[in-house]
């Protein structure tokens, strides 16, 4: 399940992707427009900056902007940075695999096999969709216009 951190991070990135190229956004404006607690968003934007998704500028004219085009930012990568692996259980993860202590034969484990399918379905969507595609979803466009 997507955590609040992941959800808020995606909302903030979609907000930034909806701005004209090169325009900075104040944290307060992003937080207010997306109903995100500012203090929580400060930490999330710090994580996104460290991961190379956003750039920040300090000072009176400061704020945040995307560090690269929205067309180059994969949704799955953002979620992994903020929330960790996409797999619902560790033995089905590609990036954080851990063998289960209670499983004598994971190749025949029905739970693991099903969760591998779930993980693969999630990854197929999220790893092939970009922030630009998210921003351009019909409902999202209306929400961006209403904010601006």
Protein backbone atom coordinates (compact mmCIF):
# COMPACT_ATOMS: atom_id res chain seq x y z
CA UNK A 1 0.00 0.00 0.00
CA UNK A 2 1.20 3.49 -0.81
CA UNK A 3 2.06 5.40 2.36
CA UNK A 4 1.14 9.03 2.99
CA UNK A 5 4.76 9.90 2.34
CA UNK A 6 4.60 8.31 -1.11
CA UNK A 7 1.22 9.84 -1.88
CA UNK A 8 2.25 13.32 -0.77
CA UNK A 9 5.54 13.04 -2.66
CA UNK A 10 3.72 12.17 -5.86
CA UNK A 11 1.22 15.00 -5.34
CA UNK A 12 4.06 17.47 -4.82
CA UNK A 13 5.89 16.26 -7.93
CA UNK A 14 2.72 16.49 -10.04
CA UNK A 15 2.26 20.03 -8.73
CA UNK A 16 5.82 20.95 -9.76
CA UNK A 17 5.35 19.23 -13.12
CA UNK A 18 2.34 21.46 -13.74
CA UNK A 19 4.37 24.66 -13.44
CA UNK A 20 5.92 26.44 -16.42
CA UNK A 21 9.47 25.23 -17.06
CA UNK A 22 11.99 26.88 -14.73
CA UNK A 23 9.38 28.27 -12.33
CA UNK A 24 9.98 27.68 -8.64
CA UNK A 25 7.25 26.86 -6.11
CA UNK A 26 7.31 27.73 -2.43
CA UNK A 27 6.86 24.77 -0.08
CA UNK A 28 3.93 26.56 1.57
CA UNK A 29 2.15 26.94 -1.77
CA UNK A 30 2.63 23.26 -2.68
CA UNK A 31 1.50 22.17 0.80
CA UNK A 32 -1.58 24.39 0.78
CA UNK A 33 -2.65 23.50 -2.76
CA UNK A 34 -2.38 19.77 -2.06
CA UNK A 35 -3.56 19.58 1.57
CA UNK A 36 -0.18 18.34 2.79
CA UNK A 37 1.21 19.30 6.22
CA UNK A 38 4.10 21.69 5.50
CA UNK A 39 6.48 20.16 8.01
CA UNK A 40 5.91 16.69 6.52
CA UNK A 41 6.36 18.06 2.99
CA UNK A 42 9.67 19.69 3.97
CA UNK A 43 11.08 16.24 4.78
CA UNK A 44 9.62 14.63 1.67
CA UNK A 45 11.07 17.33 -0.59
CA UNK A 46 14.44 16.82 1.11
CA UNK A 47 14.30 13.12 0.22
CA UNK A 48 13.25 13.94 -3.35
CA UNK A 49 16.12 16.43 -3.63
CA UNK A 50 18.66 13.86 -2.40
CA UNK A 51 17.31 11.38 -4.96
CA UNK A 52 17.69 13.93 -7.78
CA UNK A 53 14.01 14.49 -8.56
CA UNK A 54 13.85 18.14 -7.46
CA UNK A 55 16.19 21.10 -7.09
CA UNK A 56 15.88 23.77 -4.46
CA UNK A 57 16.94 27.37 -4.27
CA UNK A 58 17.21 29.10 -0.92
CA UNK A 59 16.43 32.67 -0.05
CA UNK A 60 13.63 35.14 -0.69
CA UNK A 61 13.25 34.05 -4.34
CA UNK A 62 13.75 30.39 -3.46
CA UNK A 63 11.61 27.31 -3.81
CA UNK A 64 11.49 23.95 -5.55
CA UNK A 65 11.36 22.81 -9.14
CA UNK A 66 11.82 19.53 -10.97
CA UNK A 67 15.48 18.63 -11.50
CA UNK A 68 14.74 17.00 -14.86
CA UNK A 69 11.79 16.84 -17.25
CA UNK A 70 8.64 15.15 -15.99
CA UNK A 71 8.86 12.82 -19.01
CA UNK A 72 12.06 11.34 -17.54
CA UNK A 73 10.76 10.66 -14.02
CA UNK A 74 9.28 7.17 -13.57
CA UNK A 75 6.54 6.83 -10.97
CA UNK A 76 7.91 3.49 -9.76
CA UNK A 77 11.30 5.05 -9.02
CA UNK A 78 9.71 7.82 -6.95
CA UNK A 79 7.68 5.32 -4.92
CA UNK A 80 10.73 3.13 -4.27
CA UNK A 81 12.69 6.17 -3.04
CA UNK A 82 9.93 7.32 -0.69
CA UNK A 83 8.28 4.03 0.35
CA UNK A 84 10.71 1.25 -0.46
CA UNK A 85 10.03 -1.88 -2.52
CA UNK A 86 6.86 -2.33 -4.55
CA UNK A 87 6.40 -5.96 -3.50
CA UNK A 88 3.82 -6.65 -0.80
CA UNK A 89 6.16 -9.16 0.90
CA UNK A 90 9.95 -9.30 1.07
CA UNK A 91 10.33 -12.69 -0.64
CA UNK A 92 8.63 -11.26 -3.76
CA UNK A 93 10.84 -8.17 -3.94
CA UNK A 94 13.49 -7.62 -6.59
CA UNK A 95 15.16 -4.69 -4.82
CA UNK A 96 14.90 -5.83 -1.17
CA UNK A 97 14.53 -9.62 -1.37
CA UNK A 98 14.57 -11.54 1.90
CA UNK A 99 13.82 -15.22 2.24
CA UNK A 100 10.96 -16.07 4.61
CA UNK A 101 11.95 -17.99 7.75
CA UNK A 102 8.79 -20.10 7.67
CA UNK A 103 8.98 -21.24 4.04
CA UNK A 104 10.69 -24.59 3.34
CA UNK A 105 10.35 -24.28 -0.46
CA UNK A 106 9.69 -20.81 -1.84
CA UNK A 107 9.51 -22.10 -5.42
CA UNK A 108 6.28 -23.92 -4.47
CA UNK A 109 4.92 -21.38 -1.96
CA UNK A 110 1.47 -20.29 -3.16
CA UNK A 111 1.61 -17.03 -1.20
CA UNK A 112 4.97 -16.02 -2.69
CA UNK A 113 3.93 -17.01 -6.21
CA UNK A 114 0.77 -14.89 -5.98
CA UNK A 115 2.67 -11.93 -4.49
CA UNK A 116 5.21 -12.15 -7.31
CA UNK A 117 2.33 -11.69 -9.75
CA UNK A 118 1.06 -8.72 -7.73
CA UNK A 119 4.54 -7.17 -7.62
CA UNK A 120 5.02 -7.66 -11.36
CA UNK A 121 1.64 -6.14 -12.19
CA UNK A 122 2.34 -3.09 -10.03
CA UNK A 123 5.85 -2.68 -11.48
CA UNK A 124 4.57 -3.05 -15.04
CA UNK A 125 2.37 -0.02 -14.57
CA UNK A 126 4.49 2.18 -12.32
CA UNK A 127 7.84 1.56 -14.02
CA UNK A 128 6.43 2.40 -17.44
CA UNK A 129 4.50 5.52 -16.48
CA UNK A 130 6.07 8.91 -16.05
CA UNK A 131 5.32 11.92 -13.94
CA UNK A 132 4.29 13.71 -17.16
CA UNK A 133 1.67 11.03 -17.83
CA UNK A 134 0.36 11.42 -14.30
CA UNK A 135 0.21 15.19 -14.65
CA UNK A 136 -1.63 14.87 -17.97
CA UNK A 137 -4.39 12.55 -16.74
CA UNK A 138 -7.74 14.24 -17.56
CA UNK A 139 -8.81 14.72 -13.94
CA UNK A 140 -5.39 15.95 -12.90
CA UNK A 141 -5.39 18.64 -15.59
CA UNK A 142 -8.62 20.09 -14.21
CA UNK A 143 -7.20 20.11 -10.67
CA UNK A 144 -4.03 21.88 -11.83
CA UNK A 145 -6.05 24.55 -13.66
CA UNK A 146 -8.22 25.11 -10.58
CA UNK A 147 -5.12 25.72 -8.44
CA UNK A 148 -3.44 28.06 -10.92
